[in-house]
Amino acid sequence: ELWESVRSFIATGGNVLYVVAFALLLMWIMMI
């Protein structure tokens, strides 16, 4: 259900959200 809600959010917001998610993931990996 969580994955489906994320996919729905990305479908609503467009493929740019993948880039935002990648930047966020990279940022948090570096901060941790």
PDB file of all heavy atoms in Angstrom:
ATOM      1  N   GLU A   1       0.824  -1.203   0.000  1.00  0.00           N
ATOM      2  CA  GLU A   1       0.000   0.000   0.000  1.00  0.00           C
ATOM      3  C   GLU A   1       0.865   1.264   0.000  1.00  0.00           C
ATOM      4  O   GLU A   1       0.557   2.233  -0.683  1.00  0.00           O
ATOM      5  CB  GLU A   1      -0.932   0.000   1.213  1.00  0.00           C
ATOM      6  CG  GLU A   1      -2.037  -1.021   1.127  1.00  0.00           C
ATOM      7  CD  GLU A   1      -2.867  -1.068   2.400  1.00  0.00           C
ATOM      8  OE1 GLU A   1      -2.589  -0.292   3.339  1.00  0.00           O
ATOM      9  OE2 GLU A   1      -3.794  -1.895   2.453  1.00  0.00           O
ATOM     10  N   LEU A   2       1.948   1.228   0.758  1.00  0.00           N
ATOM     11  CA  LEU A   2       2.870   2.367   0.788  1.00  0.00           C
ATOM     12  C   LEU A   2       3.483   2.594  -0.584  1.00  0.00           C
ATOM     13  O   LEU A   2       3.548   3.719  -1.075  1.00  0.00           O
ATOM     14  CB  LEU A   2       3.955   2.135   1.841  1.00  0.00           C
ATOM     15  CG  LEU A   2       4.993   3.239   1.985  1.00  0.00           C
ATOM     16  CD1 LEU A   2       4.333   4.507   2.525  1.00  0.00           C
ATOM     17  CD2 LEU A   2       6.102   2.787   2.914  1.00  0.00           C
ATOM     18  N   TRP A   3       3.920   1.510  -1.226  1.00  0.00           N
ATOM     19  CA  TRP A   3       4.518   1.620  -2.559  1.00  0.00           C
ATOM     20  C   TRP A   3       3.504   2.162  -3.571  1.00  0.00           C
ATOM     21  O   TRP A   3       3.840   2.986  -4.404  1.00  0.00           O
ATOM     22  CB  TRP A   3       5.057   0.270  -3.012  1.00  0.00           C
ATOM     23  CG  TRP A   3       5.572   0.296  -4.415  1.00  0.00           C
ATOM     24  CD1 TRP A   3       5.049  -0.327  -5.492  1.00  0.00           C
ATOM     25  CD2 TRP A   3       6.714   1.015  -4.896  1.00  0.00           C
ATOM     26  NE1 TRP A   3       5.786  -0.057  -6.617  1.00  0.00           N
ATOM     27  CE2 TRP A   3       6.829   0.785  -6.272  1.00  0.00           C
ATOM     28  CE3 TRP A   3       7.655   1.850  -4.293  1.00  0.00           C
ATOM     29  CZ2 TRP A   3       7.830   1.341  -7.053  1.00  0.00           C
ATOM     30  CZ3 TRP A   3       8.659   2.396  -5.075  1.00  0.00           C
ATOM     31  CH2 TRP A   3       8.730   2.132  -6.432  1.00  0.00           C
ATOM     32  N   GLU A   4       2.276   1.712  -3.481  1.00  0.00           N
ATOM     33  CA  GLU A   4       1.237   2.195  -4.396  1.00  0.00           C
ATOM     34  C   GLU A   4       0.949   3.678  -4.185  1.00  0.00           C
ATOM     35  O   GLU A   4       0.728   4.414  -5.141  1.00  0.00           O
ATOM     36  CB  GLU A   4      -0.045   1.368  -4.258  1.00  0.00           C
ATOM     37  CG  GLU A   4       0.049  -0.008  -4.872  1.00  0.00           C
ATOM     38  CD  GLU A   4       0.399   0.025  -6.357  1.00  0.00           C
ATOM     39  OE1 GLU A   4      -0.149   0.867  -7.100  1.00  0.00           O
ATOM     40  OE2 GLU A   4       1.252  -0.786  -6.770  1.00  0.00           O
ATOM     41  N   SER A   5       0.956   4.122  -2.940  1.00  0.00           N
ATOM     42  CA  SER A   5       0.724   5.548  -2.688  1.00  0.00           C
ATOM     43  C   SER A   5       1.901   6.384  -3.201  1.00  0.00           C
ATOM     44  O   SER A   5       1.694   7.480  -3.732  1.00  0.00           O
ATOM     45  CB  SER A   5       0.462   5.812  -1.212  1.00  0.00           C
ATOM     46  OG  SER A   5       1.605   5.521  -0.441  1.00  0.00           O
ATOM     47  N   VAL A   6       3.114   5.879  -3.080  1.00  0.00           N
ATOM     48  CA  VAL A   6       4.281   6.582  -3.627  1.00  0.00           C
ATOM     49  C   VAL A   6       4.196   6.635  -5.145  1.00  0.00           C
ATOM     50  O   VAL A   6       4.448   7.677  -5.761  1.00  0.00           O
ATOM     51  CB  VAL A   6       5.600   5.912  -3.153  1.00  0.00           C
ATOM     52  CG1 VAL A   6       6.802   6.434  -3.924  1.00  0.00           C
ATOM     53  CG2 VAL A   6       5.798   6.123  -1.659  1.00  0.00           C
ATOM     54  N   ARG A   7       3.841   5.532  -5.766  1.00  0.00           N
ATOM     55  CA  ARG A   7       3.703   5.514  -7.236  1.00  0.00           C
ATOM     56  C   ARG A   7       2.613   6.478  -7.700  1.00  0.00           C
ATOM     57  O   ARG A   7       2.764   7.156  -8.711  1.00  0.00           O
ATOM     58  CB  ARG A   7       3.401   4.100  -7.725  1.00  0.00           C
ATOM     59  CG  ARG A   7       4.618   3.216  -7.783  1.00  0.00           C
ATOM     60  CD  ARG A   7       4.281   1.811  -8.216  1.00  0.00           C
ATOM     61  NE  ARG A   7       3.179   1.760  -9.168  1.00  0.00           N
ATOM     62  CZ  ARG A   7       3.216   1.122 -10.320  1.00  0.00           C
ATOM     63  NH1 ARG A   7       4.300   0.480 -10.655  1.00  0.00           N
ATOM     64  NH2 ARG A   7       2.172   1.094 -11.115  1.00  0.00           N
ATOM     65  N   SER A   8       1.523   6.527  -6.958  1.00  0.00           N
ATOM     66  CA  SER A   8       0.442   7.453  -7.301  1.00  0.00           C
ATOM     67  C   SER A   8       0.905   8.898  -7.164  1.00  0.00           C
ATOM     68  O   SER A   8       0.601   9.739  -8.010  1.00  0.00           O
ATOM     69  CB  SER A   8      -0.754   7.189  -6.393  1.00  0.00           C
ATOM     70  OG  SER A   8      -1.724   8.181  -6.551  1.00  0.00           O
ATOM     71  N   PHE A   9       1.661   9.182  -6.116  1.00  0.00           N
ATOM     72  CA  PHE A   9       2.198  10.528  -5.909  1.00  0.00           C
ATOM     73  C   PHE A   9       3.136  10.911  -7.047  1.00  0.00           C
ATOM     74  O   PHE A   9       3.060  12.022  -7.580  1.00  0.00           O
ATOM     75  CB  PHE A   9       2.927  10.586  -4.559  1.00  0.00           C
ATOM     76  CG  PHE A   9       3.484  11.932  -4.223  1.00  0.00           C
ATOM     77  CD1 PHE A   9       2.639  12.975  -3.880  1.00  0.00           C
ATOM     78  CD2 PHE A   9       4.851  12.153  -4.226  1.00  0.00           C
ATOM     79  CE1 PHE A   9       3.151  14.216  -3.552  1.00  0.00           C
ATOM     80  CE2 PHE A   9       5.366  13.390  -3.906  1.00  0.00           C
ATOM     81  CZ  PHE A   9       4.520  14.428  -3.565  1.00  0.00           C
ATOM     82  N   ILE A  10       4.005  10.003  -7.454  1.00  0.00           N
ATOM     83  CA  ILE A  10       4.941  10.279  -8.548  1.00  0.00           C
ATOM     84  C   ILE A  10       4.193  10.432  -9.865  1.00  0.00           C
ATOM     85  O   ILE A  10       4.515  11.302 -10.676  1.00  0.00           O
ATOM     86  CB  ILE A  10       6.026   9.193  -8.619  1.00  0.00           C
ATOM     87  CG1 ILE A  10       6.971   9.357  -7.417  1.00  0.00           C
ATOM     88  CG2 ILE A  10       6.813   9.269  -9.921  1.00  0.00           C
ATOM     89  CD1 ILE A  10       8.025   8.300  -7.284  1.00  0.00           C
ATOM     90  N   ALA A  11       3.162   9.629 -10.074  1.00  0.00           N
ATOM     91  CA  ALA A  11       2.373   9.764 -11.299  1.00  0.00           C
ATOM     92  C   ALA A  11       1.668  11.112 -11.342  1.00  0.00           C
ATOM     93  O   ALA A  11       1.558  11.722 -12.408  1.00  0.00           O
ATOM     94  CB  ALA A  11       1.355   8.629 -11.390  1.00  0.00           C
ATOM     95  N   THR A  12       1.234  11.598 -10.190  1.00  0.00           N
ATOM     96  CA  THR A  12       0.572  12.894 -10.135  1.00  0.00           C
ATOM     97  C   THR A  12       1.569  14.031 -10.339  1.00  0.00           C
ATOM     98  O   THR A  12       1.253  15.036 -10.966  1.00  0.00           O
ATOM     99  CB  THR A  12      -0.138  13.081  -8.782  1.00  0.00           C
ATOM    100  OG1 THR A  12      -1.004  11.971  -8.568  1.00  0.00           O
ATOM    101  CG2 THR A  12      -0.944  14.359  -8.746  1.00  0.00           C
ATOM    102  N   GLY A  13       2.787  13.871  -9.809  1.00  0.00           N
ATOM    103  CA  GLY A  13       3.772  14.940  -9.861  1.00  0.00           C
ATOM    104  C   GLY A  13       4.727  14.897 -11.026  1.00  0.00           C
ATOM    105  O   GLY A  13       5.428  15.864 -11.286  1.00  0.00           O
ATOM    106  N   GLY A  14       4.816  13.784 -11.706  1.00  0.00           N
ATOM    107  CA  GLY A  14       5.697  13.700 -12.863  1.00  0.00           C
ATOM    108  C   GLY A  14       7.046  13.072 -12.533  1.00  0.00           C
ATOM    109  O   GLY A  14       7.393  12.826 -11.382  1.00  0.00           O
ATOM    110  N   ASN A  15       7.799  12.834 -13.589  1.00  0.00           N
ATOM    111  CA  ASN A  15       9.077  12.133 -13.452  1.00  0.00           C
ATOM    112  C   ASN A  15      10.150  12.952 -12.737  1.00  0.00           C
ATOM    113  O   ASN A  15      11.142  12.391 -12.293  1.00  0.00           O
ATOM    114  CB  ASN A  15       9.592  11.717 -14.831  1.00  0.00           C
ATOM    115  CG  ASN A  15       8.758  10.604 -15.420  1.00  0.00           C
ATOM    116  OD1 ASN A  15       8.164   9.820 -14.689  1.00  0.00           O
ATOM    117  ND2 ASN A  15       8.710  10.547 -16.736  1.00  0.00           N
ATOM    118  N   VAL A  16       9.953  14.246 -12.606  1.00  0.00           N
ATOM    119  CA  VAL A  16      10.927  15.075 -11.892  1.00  0.00           C
ATOM    120  C   VAL A  16      11.026  14.640 -10.429  1.00  0.00           C
ATOM    121  O   VAL A  16      12.064  14.802  -9.797  1.00  0.00           O
ATOM    122  CB  VAL A  16      10.553  16.569 -12.032  1.00  0.00           C
ATOM    123  CG1 VAL A  16      11.442  17.449 -11.194  1.00  0.00           C
ATOM    124  CG2 VAL A  16      10.624  16.984 -13.482  1.00  0.00           C
ATOM    125  N   LEU A  17       9.965  14.043  -9.914  1.00  0.00           N
ATOM    126  CA  LEU A  17       9.994  13.582  -8.521  1.00  0.00           C
ATOM    127  C   LEU A  17      11.029  12.490  -8.307  1.00  0.00           C
ATOM    128  O   LEU A  17      11.550  12.344  -7.197  1.00  0.00           O
ATOM    129  CB  LEU A  17       8.604  13.104  -8.087  1.00  0.00           C
ATOM    130  CG  LEU A  17       7.570  14.201  -7.914  1.00  0.00           C
ATOM    131  CD1 LEU A  17       6.236  13.611  -7.501  1.00  0.00           C
ATOM    132  CD2 LEU A  17       8.019  15.231  -6.907  1.00  0.00           C
ATOM    133  N   TYR A  18      11.360  11.728  -9.336  1.00  0.00           N
ATOM    134  CA  TYR A  18      12.439  10.741  -9.214  1.00  0.00           C
ATOM    135  C   TYR A  18      13.769  11.444  -8.953  1.00  0.00           C
ATOM    136  O   TYR A  18      14.587  10.982  -8.158  1.00  0.00           O
ATOM    137  CB  TYR A  18      12.552   9.883 -10.472  1.00  0.00           C
ATOM    138  CG  TYR A  18      11.449   8.868 -10.630  1.00  0.00           C
ATOM    139  CD1 TYR A  18      10.563   8.943 -11.696  1.00  0.00           C
ATOM    140  CD2 TYR A  18      11.300   7.828  -9.723  1.00  0.00           C
ATOM    141  CE1 TYR A  18       9.553   8.013 -11.848  1.00  0.00           C
ATOM    142  CE2 TYR A  18      10.285   6.887  -9.859  1.00  0.00           C
ATOM    143  CZ  TYR A  18       9.418   6.984 -10.922  1.00  0.00           C
ATOM    144  OH  TYR A  18       8.421   6.059 -11.068  1.00  0.00           O
ATOM    145  N   VAL A  19      13.985  12.563  -9.612  1.00  0.00           N
ATOM    146  CA  VAL A  19      15.223  13.321  -9.421  1.00  0.00           C
ATOM    147  C   VAL A  19      15.258  13.917  -8.017  1.00  0.00           C
ATOM    148  O   VAL A  19      16.295  13.893  -7.348  1.00  0.00           O
ATOM    149  CB  VAL A  19      15.372  14.413 -10.506  1.00  0.00           C
ATOM    150  CG1 VAL A  19      16.656  15.194 -10.321  1.00  0.00           C
ATOM    151  CG2 VAL A  19      15.302  13.812 -11.898  1.00  0.00           C
ATOM    152  N   VAL A  20      14.124  14.448  -7.556  1.00  0.00           N
ATOM    153  CA  VAL A  20      14.048  14.979  -6.187  1.00  0.00           C
ATOM    154  C   VAL A  20      14.331  13.854  -5.192  1.00  0.00           C
ATOM    155  O   VAL A  20      15.096  14.041  -4.232  1.00  0.00           O
ATOM    156  CB  VAL A  20      12.669  15.619  -5.907  1.00  0.00           C
ATOM    157  CG1 VAL A  20      12.521  15.981  -4.432  1.00  0.00           C
ATOM    158  CG2 VAL A  20      12.452  16.845  -6.775  1.00  0.00           C
ATOM    159  N   ALA A  21      13.742  12.701  -5.406  1.00  0.00           N
ATOM    160  CA  ALA A  21      13.950  11.567  -4.502  1.00  0.00           C
ATOM    161  C   ALA A  21      15.403  11.125  -4.503  1.00  0.00           C
ATOM    162  O   ALA A  21      15.973  10.817  -3.445  1.00  0.00           O
ATOM    163  CB  ALA A  21      13.038  10.405  -4.899  1.00  0.00           C
ATOM    164  N   PHE A  22      16.030  11.105  -5.668  1.00  0.00           N
ATOM    165  CA  PHE A  22      17.441  10.711  -5.744  1.00  0.00           C
ATOM    166  C   PHE A  22      18.320  11.712  -4.998  1.00  0.00           C
ATOM    167  O   PHE A  22      19.205  11.325  -4.235  1.00  0.00           O
ATOM    168  CB  PHE A  22      17.889  10.594  -7.211  1.00  0.00           C
ATOM    169  CG  PHE A  22      19.342  10.276  -7.353  1.00  0.00           C
ATOM    170  CD1 PHE A  22      19.819   9.007  -7.077  1.00  0.00           C
ATOM    171  CD2 PHE A  22      20.240  11.261  -7.749  1.00  0.00           C
ATOM    172  CE1 PHE A  22      21.165   8.712  -7.194  1.00  0.00           C
ATOM    173  CE2 PHE A  22      21.585  10.977  -7.875  1.00  0.00           C
ATOM    174  CZ  PHE A  22      22.050   9.702  -7.595  1.00  0.00           C
ATOM    175  N   ALA A  23      18.073  13.018  -5.196  1.00  0.00           N
ATOM    176  CA  ALA A  23      18.848  14.052  -4.498  1.00  0.00           C
ATOM    177  C   ALA A  23      18.649  13.942  -2.990  1.00  0.00           C
ATOM    178  O   ALA A  23      19.601  14.058  -2.214  1.00  0.00           O
ATOM    179  CB  ALA A  23      18.465  15.434  -5.001  1.00  0.00           C
ATOM    180  N   LEU A  24      17.403  13.705  -2.570  1.00  0.00           N
ATOM    181  CA  LEU A  24      17.100  13.558  -1.147  1.00  0.00           C
ATOM    182  C   LEU A  24      17.797  12.338  -0.562  1.00  0.00           C
ATOM    183  O   LEU A  24      18.404  12.409   0.517  1.00  0.00           O
ATOM    184  CB  LEU A  24      15.584  13.451  -0.952  1.00  0.00           C
ATOM    185  CG  LEU A  24      15.081  13.336   0.479  1.00  0.00           C
ATOM    186  CD1 LEU A  24      15.391  14.606   1.258  1.00  0.00           C
ATOM    187  CD2 LEU A  24      13.587  13.073   0.482  1.00  0.00           C
ATOM    188  N   LEU A  25      17.751  11.221  -1.259  1.00  0.00           N
ATOM    189  CA  LEU A  25      18.402  10.000  -0.789  1.00  0.00           C
ATOM    190  C   LEU A  25      19.915  10.196  -0.670  1.00  0.00           C
ATOM    191  O   LEU A  25      20.521   9.842   0.346  1.00  0.00           O
ATOM    192  CB  LEU A  25      18.091   8.840  -1.737  1.00  0.00           C
ATOM    193  CG  LEU A  25      18.729   7.498  -1.394  1.00  0.00           C
ATOM    194  CD1 LEU A  25      18.115   6.943  -0.111  1.00  0.00           C
ATOM    195  CD2 LEU A  25      18.545   6.520  -2.534  1.00  0.00           C
ATOM    196  N   LEU A  26      20.511  10.781  -1.681  1.00  0.00           N
ATOM    197  CA  LEU A  26      21.951  11.027  -1.667  1.00  0.00           C
ATOM    198  C   LEU A  26      22.331  11.969  -0.524  1.00  0.00           C
ATOM    199  O   LEU A  26      23.308  11.733   0.202  1.00  0.00           O
ATOM    200  CB  LEU A  26      22.380  11.604  -3.019  1.00  0.00           C
ATOM    201  CG  LEU A  26      23.860  11.753  -3.277  1.00  0.00           C
ATOM    202  CD1 LEU A  26      24.548  10.400  -3.238  1.00  0.00           C
ATOM    203  CD2 LEU A  26      24.073  12.411  -4.637  1.00  0.00           C
ATOM    204  N   MET A  27      21.542  13.018  -0.338  1.00  0.00           N
ATOM    205  CA  MET A  27      21.800  13.978   0.730  1.00  0.00           C
ATOM    206  C   MET A  27      21.743  13.303   2.099  1.00  0.00           C
ATOM    207  O   MET A  27      22.627  13.489   2.936  1.00  0.00           O
ATOM    208  CB  MET A  27      20.775  15.110   0.648  1.00  0.00           C
ATOM    209  CG  MET A  27      20.865  16.133   1.747  1.00  0.00           C
ATOM    210  SD  MET A  27      19.646  17.451   1.568  1.00  0.00           S
ATOM    211  CE  MET A  27      18.103  16.585   1.787  1.00  0.00           C
ATOM    212  N   TRP A  28      20.726  12.472   2.320  1.00  0.00           N
ATOM    213  CA  TRP A  28      20.585  11.829   3.623  1.00  0.00           C
ATOM    214  C   TRP A  28      21.641  10.752   3.851  1.00  0.00           C
ATOM    215  O   TRP A  28      22.091  10.558   4.986  1.00  0.00           O
ATOM    216  CB  TRP A  28      19.172  11.276   3.793  1.00  0.00           C
ATOM    217  CG  TRP A  28      18.293  12.340   4.346  1.00  0.00           C
ATOM    218  CD1 TRP A  28      17.420  13.123   3.654  1.00  0.00           C
ATOM    219  CD2 TRP A  28      18.252  12.783   5.692  1.00  0.00           C
ATOM    220  NE1 TRP A  28      16.829  14.028   4.498  1.00  0.00           N
ATOM    221  CE2 TRP A  28      17.326  13.843   5.754  1.00  0.00           C
ATOM    222  CE3 TRP A  28      18.913  12.408   6.855  1.00  0.00           C
ATOM    223  CZ2 TRP A  28      17.039  14.513   6.941  1.00  0.00           C
ATOM    224  CZ3 TRP A  28      18.624  13.082   8.037  1.00  0.00           C
ATOM    225  CH2 TRP A  28      17.703  14.112   8.073  1.00  0.00           C
ATOM    226  N   ILE A  29      22.041  10.058   2.814  1.00  0.00           N
ATOM    227  CA  ILE A  29      23.128   9.080   2.971  1.00  0.00           C
ATOM    228  C   ILE A  29      24.404   9.796   3.409  1.00  0.00           C
ATOM    229  O   ILE A  29      25.103   9.347   4.321  1.00  0.00           O
ATOM    230  CB  ILE A  29      23.346   8.285   1.666  1.00  0.00           C
ATOM    231  CG1 ILE A  29      22.206   7.288   1.461  1.00  0.00           C
ATOM    232  CG2 ILE A  29      24.686   7.561   1.679  1.00  0.00           C
ATOM    233  CD1 ILE A  29      22.214   6.597   0.110  1.00  0.00           C
ATOM    234  N   MET A  30      24.688  10.928   2.775  1.00  0.00           N
ATOM    235  CA  MET A  30      25.890  11.675   3.139  1.00  0.00           C
ATOM    236  C   MET A  30      25.795  12.253   4.547  1.00  0.00           C
ATOM    237  O   MET A  30      26.785  12.253   5.287  1.00  0.00           O
ATOM    238  CB  MET A  30      26.138  12.797   2.131  1.00  0.00           C
ATOM    239  CG  MET A  30      26.626  12.315   0.812  1.00  0.00           C
ATOM    240  SD  MET A  30      26.960  13.733  -0.239  1.00  0.00           S
ATOM    241  CE  MET A  30      27.444  12.905  -1.729  1.00  0.00           C
ATOM    242  N   MET A  31      24.621  12.750   4.931  1.00  0.00           N
ATOM    243  CA  MET A  31      24.480  13.304   6.280  1.00  0.00           C
ATOM    244  C   MET A  31      24.600  12.215   7.340  1.00  0.00           C
ATOM    245  O   MET A  31      25.244  12.424   8.373  1.00  0.00           O
ATOM    246  CB  MET A  31      23.160  14.059   6.421  1.00  0.00           C
ATOM    247  CG  MET A  31      23.189  15.409   5.754  1.00  0.00           C
ATOM    248  SD  MET A  31      21.854  16.522   6.227  1.00  0.00           S
ATOM    249  CE  MET A  31      20.433  15.712   5.550  1.00  0.00           C
ATOM    250  N   ILE A  32      24.023  11.060   7.105  1.00  0.00           N
ATOM    251  CA  ILE A  32      24.140   9.953   8.062  1.00  0.00           C
ATOM    252  C   ILE A  32      25.592   9.512   8.175  1.00  0.00           C
ATOM    253  O   ILE A  32      26.089   9.257   9.277  1.00  0.00           O
ATOM    254  CB  ILE A  32      23.206   8.790   7.660  1.00  0.00           C
ATOM    255  CG1 ILE A  32      21.751   9.195   7.887  1.00  0.00           C
ATOM    256  CG2 ILE A  32      23.547   7.522   8.431  1.00  0.00           C
ATOM    257  CD1 ILE A  32      20.741   8.242   7.281  1.00  0.00           C
TER     258      ILE A  32
END
